[in-house]
């Protein structure tokens, strides 16, 4: 039975064939097809129904695919990383976006779930906590030719952050704890978010083939665990606290000086104090969040000793000329980075938030209700895998001159670029057009594909 997706989409899926055995690859293609066509909650059962494969395979096959089959999520991530890397110009640095997102859950038997801080429901006066999973995610920023100058974030690497004692890894590899000790043999190391982030950044750095890498994250990941132990050739860009303690680099050691050498020089004013005392700012035209703006900036190079002891950082302090926004500061571990590059790179971090929203609203990232640990580790990231494949397929169509004909509505007369929902609907329409209206080909015989697509259409209606 062939999958209910376009033939060129199947060619995209064939890149993942070495990651599976032959039966698991057929199940993988059916899962992706069902994930695309499912219109309700993306539970494993609903995805199996939408795939149209239940007449050929038992429903337990799909549950075993996530819970027991022999395949690795990082192997899929490596293939996906290569597909995304092909869209990044070779003369530009690779921009990786780092953040975490909460998948809210309901039910007592959900594996590895616990209470986590909910940033959407919390405010400055009262924190709020929700039950679910927190996923530390690393995405590749890609300038896909889909009409959006802000680019797209393609999430590729995922790690589940757990607070429960049952939520640790079960492998025998030692991982550092908060106090620096390893827990090899305990089976429950419970790494922190920064340690998980360091792990997936190291994987991406190994796959990048020596390309310059800049990791963009919010201030929660601007800690010593990640900054000082990042892989070689990897730089960090993040937000800097306005009250950060800054220092000059240590002075050169005198020939006859006794004692250990100094680690830092003289104390500098905080970024807030520097901004208040500043009288002349540099006007910088820059493109942020899809708009051309002119902002006021000044730069300095200093030692942020509390987070990075072995080198100075480039600091960019920004002021809104209109006065509507408060001053902000950003830093980059590359002391030679330009202010425009730092600001534009940090603004592109927002595309990862867009990916989180689209995966939750249109692909059911929070829907699977898995009751085994391995199924939890595999099922939710499948939503991001489908998200990336939809974008890559749409970009391939646009690059070949056949830009996706997304459905235009009367109230969207001034819409210039398709949203992810438009691209997903276009993929479904193209799949049904090939199955129903195109003449049968060597890979699609009427006796074989007619029952599958008819059953899937009835299940997703």
Protein backbone atom coordinates (compact mmCIF):
# COMPACT_ATOMS: atom_id res chain seq x y z
CA UNK A 1 0.00 0.00 0.00
CA UNK A 2 1.42 3.40 -0.98
CA UNK A 3 1.29 6.39 1.34
CA UNK A 4 -1.29 9.12 0.79
CA UNK A 5 1.27 11.85 0.13
CA UNK A 6 2.62 13.34 -3.12
CA UNK A 7 5.35 11.41 -4.92
CA UNK A 8 7.94 14.17 -4.44
CA UNK A 9 7.12 14.15 -0.72
CA UNK A 10 7.80 10.41 -0.69
CA UNK A 11 11.18 11.16 -2.28
CA UNK A 12 11.88 13.48 0.64
CA UNK A 13 10.96 10.72 3.08
CA UNK A 14 13.29 8.28 1.34
CA UNK A 15 16.27 10.15 2.83
CA UNK A 16 15.31 8.58 6.18
CA UNK A 17 15.29 4.99 4.87
CA UNK A 18 18.76 4.11 6.32
CA UNK A 19 17.49 4.99 9.80
CA UNK A 20 14.97 2.12 9.87
CA UNK A 21 14.55 -1.51 9.07
CA UNK A 22 12.32 -2.23 6.08
CA UNK A 23 9.13 -2.85 8.15
CA UNK A 24 9.79 0.16 10.39
CA UNK A 25 10.36 2.40 7.37
CA UNK A 26 6.94 1.43 5.97
CA UNK A 27 5.42 2.25 9.35
CA UNK A 28 7.32 5.55 9.41
CA UNK A 29 5.91 6.58 6.04
CA UNK A 30 2.40 5.66 7.19
CA UNK A 31 2.83 7.62 10.43
CA UNK A 32 3.98 10.76 8.59
CA UNK A 33 1.14 10.40 6.08
CA UNK A 34 -1.40 9.97 8.88
CA UNK A 35 0.05 12.91 10.78
CA UNK A 36 -0.39 15.12 7.71
CA UNK A 37 -4.00 14.07 7.04
CA UNK A 38 -5.26 13.81 10.62
CA UNK A 39 -7.70 16.63 11.32
CA UNK A 40 -8.38 16.01 15.00
CA UNK A 41 -6.20 15.24 18.00
CA UNK A 42 -2.93 13.59 16.99
CA UNK A 43 -3.06 10.56 19.21
CA UNK A 44 -1.33 7.46 17.85
CA UNK A 45 -4.68 5.81 17.18
CA UNK A 46 -6.02 8.85 15.31
CA UNK A 47 -2.85 9.05 13.21
CA UNK A 48 -3.15 5.36 12.33
CA UNK A 49 -6.76 5.86 11.25
CA UNK A 50 -5.86 8.85 9.07
CA UNK A 51 -3.03 6.95 7.39
CA UNK A 52 -5.43 4.47 5.77
CA UNK A 53 -3.17 1.57 6.72
CA UNK A 54 -5.40 -0.17 9.28
CA UNK A 55 -6.80 -2.48 6.64
CA UNK A 56 -3.31 -3.84 6.06
CA UNK A 57 -1.67 -3.58 9.49
CA UNK A 58 -2.98 -3.97 13.03
CA UNK A 59 -3.31 -0.91 15.25
CA UNK A 60 -0.72 -2.33 17.66
CA UNK A 61 1.94 -1.96 14.94
CA UNK A 62 1.74 1.83 15.24
CA UNK A 63 1.99 1.77 19.02
CA UNK A 64 4.97 -0.58 18.86
CA UNK A 65 6.62 1.73 16.32
CA UNK A 66 6.94 4.40 19.03
CA UNK A 67 7.29 2.19 22.08
CA UNK A 68 9.47 -0.75 21.01
CA UNK A 69 10.80 -0.47 17.43
CA UNK A 70 14.55 -0.23 16.90
CA UNK A 71 15.25 3.26 15.62
CA UNK A 72 16.90 6.35 17.08
CA UNK A 73 15.50 9.86 17.10
CA UNK A 74 18.97 11.38 16.82
CA UNK A 75 19.53 9.42 13.59
CA UNK A 76 16.46 11.12 12.11
CA UNK A 77 17.75 14.43 13.42
CA UNK A 78 21.04 13.98 11.59
CA UNK A 79 19.27 13.39 8.27
CA UNK A 80 16.98 16.34 8.91
CA UNK A 81 19.97 18.51 9.82
CA UNK A 82 21.56 17.69 6.47
CA UNK A 83 18.37 18.54 4.59
CA UNK A 84 18.14 21.89 6.39
CA UNK A 85 21.84 22.65 5.90
CA UNK A 86 21.41 22.46 2.13
CA UNK A 87 19.30 25.64 2.26
CA UNK A 88 21.86 27.71 4.18
CA UNK A 89 24.41 29.48 1.93
CA UNK A 90 27.89 28.03 2.37
CA UNK A 91 29.48 31.45 2.92
CA UNK A 92 27.21 32.31 5.86
CA UNK A 93 27.53 31.10 9.46
CA UNK A 94 25.08 28.52 10.72
CA UNK A 95 22.48 29.96 13.08
CA UNK A 96 21.03 27.57 15.67
CA UNK A 97 18.08 28.56 17.84
CA UNK A 98 17.76 27.16 21.36
CA UNK A 99 14.74 27.21 23.65
CA UNK A 100 12.36 24.96 25.55
CA UNK A 101 8.61 24.54 25.36
CA UNK A 102 5.96 23.06 27.63
CA UNK A 103 3.61 20.36 26.34
CA UNK A 104 0.66 20.34 28.73
CA UNK A 105 -0.80 16.94 29.56
CA UNK A 106 -3.80 15.54 31.36
CA UNK A 107 -4.09 12.10 32.93
CA UNK A 108 -2.48 10.11 35.72
CA UNK A 109 -0.77 7.50 33.55
CA UNK A 110 1.25 9.81 31.28
CA UNK A 111 4.86 8.68 31.53
CA UNK A 112 7.64 11.09 32.57
CA UNK A 113 5.20 13.97 33.15
CA UNK A 114 5.49 16.31 36.14
CA UNK A 115 4.69 19.86 37.21
CA UNK A 116 6.56 22.63 35.38
CA UNK A 117 6.48 26.40 35.37
CA UNK A 118 4.00 27.64 32.77
CA UNK A 119 5.31 30.87 31.20
CA UNK A 120 2.08 31.60 29.30
CA UNK A 121 -0.18 31.50 32.35
CA UNK A 122 2.26 33.08 34.80
CA UNK A 123 2.83 36.76 35.38
CA UNK A 124 5.30 38.86 37.34
CA UNK A 125 3.18 38.69 40.50
CA UNK A 126 2.07 35.07 40.54
CA UNK A 127 3.74 32.03 38.96
CA UNK A 128 1.61 29.23 37.54
CA UNK A 129 2.51 25.58 37.07
CA UNK A 130 1.11 23.01 34.64
CA UNK A 131 1.40 19.24 34.37
CA UNK A 132 3.22 17.97 31.31
CA UNK A 133 6.55 17.65 29.51
CA UNK A 134 9.24 20.24 28.87
CA UNK A 135 11.26 19.78 25.68
CA UNK A 136 14.64 21.45 25.19
CA UNK A 137 14.76 22.09 21.44
CA UNK A 138 17.50 23.08 19.01
CA UNK A 139 16.44 24.41 15.61
CA UNK A 140 18.26 25.47 12.45
CA UNK A 141 17.36 28.88 11.07
CA UNK A 142 16.85 28.53 7.31
CA UNK A 143 16.01 31.26 4.73
CA UNK A 144 13.45 29.20 2.81
CA UNK A 145 12.01 30.81 -0.37
CA UNK A 146 8.43 30.97 0.90
CA UNK A 147 7.85 34.71 0.83
CA UNK A 148 8.79 35.39 4.47
CA UNK A 149 11.99 37.41 4.81
CA UNK A 150 12.25 36.51 8.49
CA UNK A 151 13.13 32.91 7.63
CA UNK A 152 12.01 29.72 9.34
CA UNK A 153 13.16 27.64 12.29
CA UNK A 154 13.41 23.91 11.62
CA UNK A 155 13.54 22.06 14.98
CA UNK A 156 15.87 19.08 14.65
CA UNK A 157 17.17 18.01 18.10
CA UNK A 158 15.11 17.39 21.22
CA UNK A 159 15.71 16.43 24.83
CA UNK A 160 13.05 15.82 27.45
CA UNK A 161 13.70 17.69 30.70
CA UNK A 162 12.31 15.91 33.74
CA UNK A 163 12.09 16.84 37.41
CA UNK A 164 10.84 13.48 38.64
CA UNK A 165 13.26 10.86 39.94
CA UNK A 166 11.70 8.43 37.49
CA UNK A 167 12.41 10.76 34.58
CA UNK A 168 16.17 10.32 34.29
CA UNK A 169 18.07 8.46 31.63
CA UNK A 170 18.51 4.74 31.86
CA UNK A 171 21.83 4.51 30.04
CA UNK A 172 25.13 3.80 31.73
CA UNK A 173 26.94 6.90 30.51
CA UNK A 174 27.91 9.30 33.25
CA UNK A 175 26.36 12.76 33.09
CA UNK A 176 27.36 15.69 35.29
CA UNK A 177 24.98 16.78 38.03
CA UNK A 178 24.38 20.31 39.30
CA UNK A 179 27.35 20.03 41.68
CA UNK A 180 29.69 18.71 39.01
CA UNK A 181 29.57 15.03 40.00
CA UNK A 182 28.72 12.29 37.53
CA UNK A 183 26.06 9.72 38.20
CA UNK A 184 27.24 6.77 36.12
CA UNK A 185 25.52 3.62 37.23
CA UNK A 186 22.71 5.34 39.15
CA UNK A 187 20.33 5.36 36.15
CA UNK A 188 18.73 8.67 37.24
CA UNK A 189 21.15 11.54 36.56
CA UNK A 190 18.38 14.11 35.89
CA UNK A 191 20.47 16.59 33.86
CA UNK A 192 19.56 20.26 33.93
CA UNK A 193 18.25 22.19 30.94
CA UNK A 194 21.66 23.72 30.32
CA UNK A 195 23.32 20.30 30.35
CA UNK A 196 20.75 18.97 27.88
CA UNK A 197 21.31 22.03 25.69
CA UNK A 198 25.07 21.50 25.78
CA UNK A 199 24.56 17.90 24.68
CA UNK A 200 22.47 18.69 21.61
CA UNK A 201 24.69 21.64 20.64
CA UNK A 202 27.69 19.30 20.66
CA UNK A 203 25.82 16.90 18.35
CA UNK A 204 24.97 19.69 15.91
CA UNK A 205 28.57 20.95 15.97
CA UNK A 206 29.81 17.49 14.98
CA UNK A 207 27.36 17.38 12.09
CA UNK A 208 28.13 20.90 10.82
CA UNK A 209 31.40 19.92 9.16
CA UNK A 210 33.51 22.72 10.62
CA UNK A 211 31.14 25.57 9.77
CA UNK A 212 30.99 28.57 12.09
CA UNK A 213 28.02 28.18 14.46
CA UNK A 214 26.17 30.83 16.44
CA UNK A 215 23.65 29.57 19.00
CA UNK A 216 20.90 32.06 19.87
CA UNK A 217 19.07 31.56 23.16
CA UNK A 218 17.22 33.60 25.74
CA UNK A 219 18.80 34.70 29.01
CA UNK A 220 17.75 31.49 30.82
CA UNK A 221 20.47 29.63 28.90
CA UNK A 222 23.18 32.26 29.36
CA UNK A 223 24.86 30.35 32.16
CA UNK A 224 28.36 29.13 32.92
CA UNK A 225 27.41 25.50 32.27
CA UNK A 226 26.72 26.26 28.62
CA UNK A 227 28.99 29.22 27.91
CA UNK A 228 32.23 27.81 29.30
CA UNK A 229 31.75 24.23 28.11
CA UNK A 230 30.43 24.86 24.63
CA UNK A 231 32.17 23.05 21.74
CA UNK A 232 35.03 24.67 19.86
CA UNK A 233 33.92 26.93 17.04
CA UNK A 234 30.51 27.58 18.63
CA UNK A 235 29.55 31.08 19.78
CA UNK A 236 26.57 32.16 21.88
CA UNK A 237 24.26 35.14 21.39
CA UNK A 238 21.81 36.03 24.13
CA UNK A 239 20.30 38.81 26.20
CA UNK A 240 22.43 40.41 28.93
CA UNK A 241 21.10 41.63 32.26
CA UNK A 242 21.22 45.40 32.61
CA UNK A 243 22.74 44.98 36.08
CA UNK A 244 25.41 42.50 34.94
CA UNK A 245 28.80 42.82 36.62
CA UNK A 246 31.38 43.68 33.96
CA UNK A 247 35.15 43.75 34.25
CA UNK A 248 38.13 44.69 32.14
CA UNK A 249 40.43 41.87 31.00
CA UNK A 250 43.22 41.00 33.45
CA UNK A 251 46.36 43.14 33.14
CA UNK A 252 49.59 41.54 31.91
CA UNK A 253 51.60 39.84 34.60
CA UNK A 254 54.69 41.69 35.80
CA UNK A 255 57.98 39.79 35.45
CA UNK A 256 58.69 39.77 39.21
CA UNK A 257 55.09 39.40 40.37
CA UNK A 258 54.45 36.71 42.96
CA UNK A 259 51.28 34.65 43.43
CA UNK A 260 48.73 33.38 40.98
CA UNK A 261 47.87 35.57 37.99
CA UNK A 262 44.79 37.77 38.07
CA UNK A 263 41.61 36.49 36.41
CA UNK A 264 39.99 39.87 35.85
CA UNK A 265 40.86 43.54 35.81
CA UNK A 266 38.96 46.56 37.10
CA UNK A 267 35.23 46.67 37.70
CA UNK A 268 33.21 48.48 35.02
CA UNK A 269 29.80 50.16 35.34
CA UNK A 270 26.77 47.98 34.62
CA UNK A 271 25.09 48.23 31.19
CA UNK A 272 22.31 50.27 32.79
CA UNK A 273 24.79 52.75 34.26
CA UNK A 274 26.64 52.98 30.97
CA UNK A 275 23.40 53.69 29.12
CA UNK A 276 22.37 56.38 31.60
CA UNK A 277 25.71 58.14 31.29
CA UNK A 278 25.81 57.88 27.52
CA UNK A 279 25.21 61.13 25.65
CA UNK A 280 26.06 60.20 22.07
CA UNK A 281 24.58 57.04 20.51
CA UNK A 282 25.33 55.50 17.14
CA UNK A 283 22.40 55.36 14.73
CA UNK A 284 22.15 51.86 13.25
CA UNK A 285 19.71 50.95 10.43
CA UNK A 286 18.87 47.27 10.77
CA UNK A 287 16.13 44.84 9.74
CA UNK A 288 14.40 43.29 12.75
CA UNK A 289 11.35 41.03 12.74
CA UNK A 290 10.73 41.69 9.05
CA UNK A 291 10.87 45.51 9.35
CA UNK A 292 13.54 48.08 8.54
CA UNK A 293 14.15 50.17 11.65
CA UNK A 294 16.77 52.62 12.88
CA UNK A 295 17.88 52.13 16.45
CA UNK A 296 20.49 53.68 18.73
CA UNK A 297 23.34 51.47 19.92
CA UNK A 298 26.75 51.53 21.50
CA UNK A 299 29.19 48.64 21.85
CA UNK A 300 31.92 47.57 24.21
CA UNK A 301 34.06 44.52 24.90
CA UNK A 302 34.25 43.41 28.51
CA UNK A 303 34.65 40.39 30.74
CA UNK A 304 31.40 38.93 32.10
CA UNK A 305 33.17 36.92 34.73
CA UNK A 306 30.13 35.43 36.45
CA UNK A 307 29.18 33.47 33.31
CA UNK A 308 32.33 33.28 31.17
CA UNK A 309 35.74 33.44 32.83
CA UNK A 310 38.05 32.58 29.96
CA UNK A 311 37.33 35.35 27.46
CA UNK A 312 35.68 38.73 26.86
CA UNK A 313 32.29 39.13 25.21
CA UNK A 314 30.93 41.66 22.75
CA UNK A 315 28.15 43.71 24.36
CA UNK A 316 25.58 45.73 22.42
CA UNK A 317 23.34 48.15 24.32
CA UNK A 318 20.23 49.25 22.41
CA UNK A 319 17.94 52.25 22.95
CA UNK A 320 14.65 52.91 21.20
CA UNK A 321 14.79 56.41 19.63
CA UNK A 322 11.06 56.89 20.26
CA UNK A 323 11.43 56.13 23.97
CA UNK A 324 8.56 53.62 24.00
CA UNK A 325 10.79 50.66 24.93
CA UNK A 326 13.28 50.35 27.73
CA UNK A 327 16.97 49.94 27.06
CA UNK A 328 18.19 46.41 26.37
CA UNK A 329 21.59 44.73 26.22
CA UNK A 330 22.79 41.71 24.24
CA UNK A 331 26.08 39.85 24.16
CA UNK A 332 28.02 37.58 21.83
CA UNK A 333 31.00 35.41 22.76
CA UNK A 334 32.59 36.40 19.45
CA UNK A 335 34.33 39.64 20.41
CA UNK A 336 34.58 40.63 16.71
CA UNK A 337 30.84 40.36 16.01
CA UNK A 338 29.11 43.43 14.59
CA UNK A 339 26.17 45.04 16.33
CA UNK A 340 23.86 44.53 13.34
CA UNK A 341 24.67 40.80 13.23
CA UNK A 342 24.01 40.36 16.96
CA UNK A 343 20.65 42.15 16.82
CA UNK A 344 19.47 40.43 13.64
CA UNK A 345 20.49 37.01 14.94
CA UNK A 346 18.66 37.50 18.23
CA UNK A 347 15.54 38.71 16.39
CA UNK A 348 15.52 35.48 14.38
CA UNK A 349 15.04 33.54 17.60
CA UNK A 350 11.36 34.47 17.34
CA UNK A 351 10.93 32.04 14.43
CA UNK A 352 11.39 29.19 16.92
CA UNK A 353 8.45 30.53 18.93
CA UNK A 354 6.44 30.48 15.69
CA UNK A 355 7.44 26.85 15.16
CA UNK A 356 6.27 25.98 18.69
CA UNK A 357 2.92 27.64 18.05
CA UNK A 358 2.35 25.99 14.67
CA UNK A 359 3.33 22.53 15.93
CA UNK A 360 0.92 22.81 18.85
CA UNK A 361 -2.01 24.33 16.96
CA UNK A 362 -1.82 22.51 13.64
CA UNK A 363 0.13 19.29 14.29
CA UNK A 364 -0.97 18.27 17.77
CA UNK A 365 2.39 18.45 19.52
CA UNK A 366 0.65 18.20 22.92
CA UNK A 367 -1.89 15.51 21.95
CA UNK A 368 -0.13 12.10 22.28
CA UNK A 369 -0.99 10.32 25.55
CA UNK A 370 1.86 7.83 25.86
CA UNK A 371 2.22 5.61 28.89
CA UNK A 372 5.76 4.28 28.33
CA UNK A 373 8.98 6.27 28.58
CA UNK A 374 10.35 5.41 25.13
CA UNK A 375 7.07 6.26 23.42
CA UNK A 376 7.08 9.67 25.13
CA UNK A 377 10.62 10.34 23.94
CA UNK A 378 9.66 9.59 20.32
CA UNK A 379 6.05 10.59 19.70
CA UNK A 380 5.97 14.32 20.47
CA UNK A 381 9.11 15.14 18.39
CA UNK A 382 7.39 13.47 15.41
CA UNK A 383 5.15 16.56 15.20
CA UNK A 384 8.22 18.75 14.67
CA UNK A 385 9.58 16.28 12.12
CA UNK A 386 6.37 16.60 10.11
CA UNK A 387 6.52 20.39 10.52
CA UNK A 388 10.03 20.45 9.02
CA UNK A 389 9.10 18.12 6.16
CA UNK A 390 6.09 20.26 5.18
CA UNK A 391 8.29 23.36 5.04
CA UNK A 392 11.08 21.62 3.12
CA UNK A 393 8.62 20.15 0.61
CA UNK A 394 7.00 23.56 0.08
CA UNK A 395 10.40 25.20 -0.34
CA UNK A 396 11.40 22.58 -2.93
CA UNK A 397 8.23 23.33 -4.89
CA UNK A 398 8.96 27.05 -4.73
CA UNK A 399 12.58 26.58 -5.82
CA UNK A 400 11.44 24.60 -8.87
CA UNK A 401 9.13 27.42 -9.93
CA UNK A 402 5.93 25.65 -8.86
CA UNK A 403 5.22 27.77 -5.82
CA UNK A 404 2.42 26.24 -3.71
CA UNK A 405 -0.97 27.57 -4.79
CA UNK A 406 -2.31 28.21 -1.31
CA UNK A 407 -5.99 28.93 -1.02
CA UNK A 408 -6.67 32.66 -0.89
CA UNK A 409 -9.69 33.89 1.03
CA UNK A 410 -11.59 37.17 0.55
CA UNK A 411 -10.48 38.54 3.93
CA UNK A 412 -6.83 37.81 3.09
CA UNK A 413 -6.66 39.91 -0.05
CA UNK A 414 -3.47 41.67 1.11
CA UNK A 415 -1.75 38.52 2.35
CA UNK A 416 1.68 38.23 0.73
CA UNK A 417 3.07 35.00 2.21
CA UNK A 418 1.41 31.71 3.12
CA UNK A 419 1.11 30.64 6.73
CA UNK A 420 2.05 27.15 7.84
CA UNK A 421 -1.61 26.13 7.82
CA UNK A 422 -1.80 27.12 4.14
CA UNK A 423 1.25 24.98 3.33
CA UNK A 424 -0.17 22.01 5.23
CA UNK A 425 -3.53 22.29 3.45
CA UNK A 426 -1.75 22.56 0.11
CA UNK A 427 0.16 19.35 0.84
CA UNK A 428 -3.11 17.55 1.58
CA UNK A 429 -4.73 18.90 -1.58
CA UNK A 430 -1.78 17.84 -3.71
CA UNK A 431 -1.86 14.36 -2.18
CA UNK A 432 -5.57 13.89 -2.90
CA UNK A 433 -5.21 15.40 -6.39
CA UNK A 434 -2.57 12.84 -7.33
CA UNK A 435 -4.54 9.96 -5.81
CA UNK A 436 -7.92 10.83 -7.26
CA UNK A 437 -7.49 12.81 -10.46
CA UNK A 438 -4.07 11.86 -11.87
CA UNK A 439 -3.92 8.71 -14.01
CA UNK A 440 -2.48 5.61 -12.32
CA UNK A 441 1.27 5.16 -12.60
CA UNK A 442 3.66 2.28 -12.06
CA UNK A 443 3.63 2.98 -8.32
CA UNK A 444 -0.11 3.56 -8.03
CA UNK A 445 -2.34 0.80 -9.37
CA UNK A 446 -6.10 1.33 -8.96
CA UNK A 447 -6.68 -2.05 -7.32
CA UNK A 448 -4.14 -1.21 -4.60
CA UNK A 449 -4.50 2.46 -3.81
CA UNK A 450 -8.27 3.00 -4.14
CA UNK A 451 -9.32 1.27 -0.89
CA UNK A 452 -6.58 2.96 1.12
CA UNK A 453 -7.35 6.53 0.14
CA UNK A 454 -11.11 6.00 0.34
CA UNK A 455 -10.83 4.59 3.87
CA UNK A 456 -8.50 7.39 4.97
CA UNK A 457 -10.85 10.02 3.53
CA UNK A 458 -13.76 8.58 5.47
CA UNK A 459 -11.71 8.49 8.69
CA UNK A 460 -10.59 12.13 8.38
CA UNK A 461 -13.90 13.56 7.23
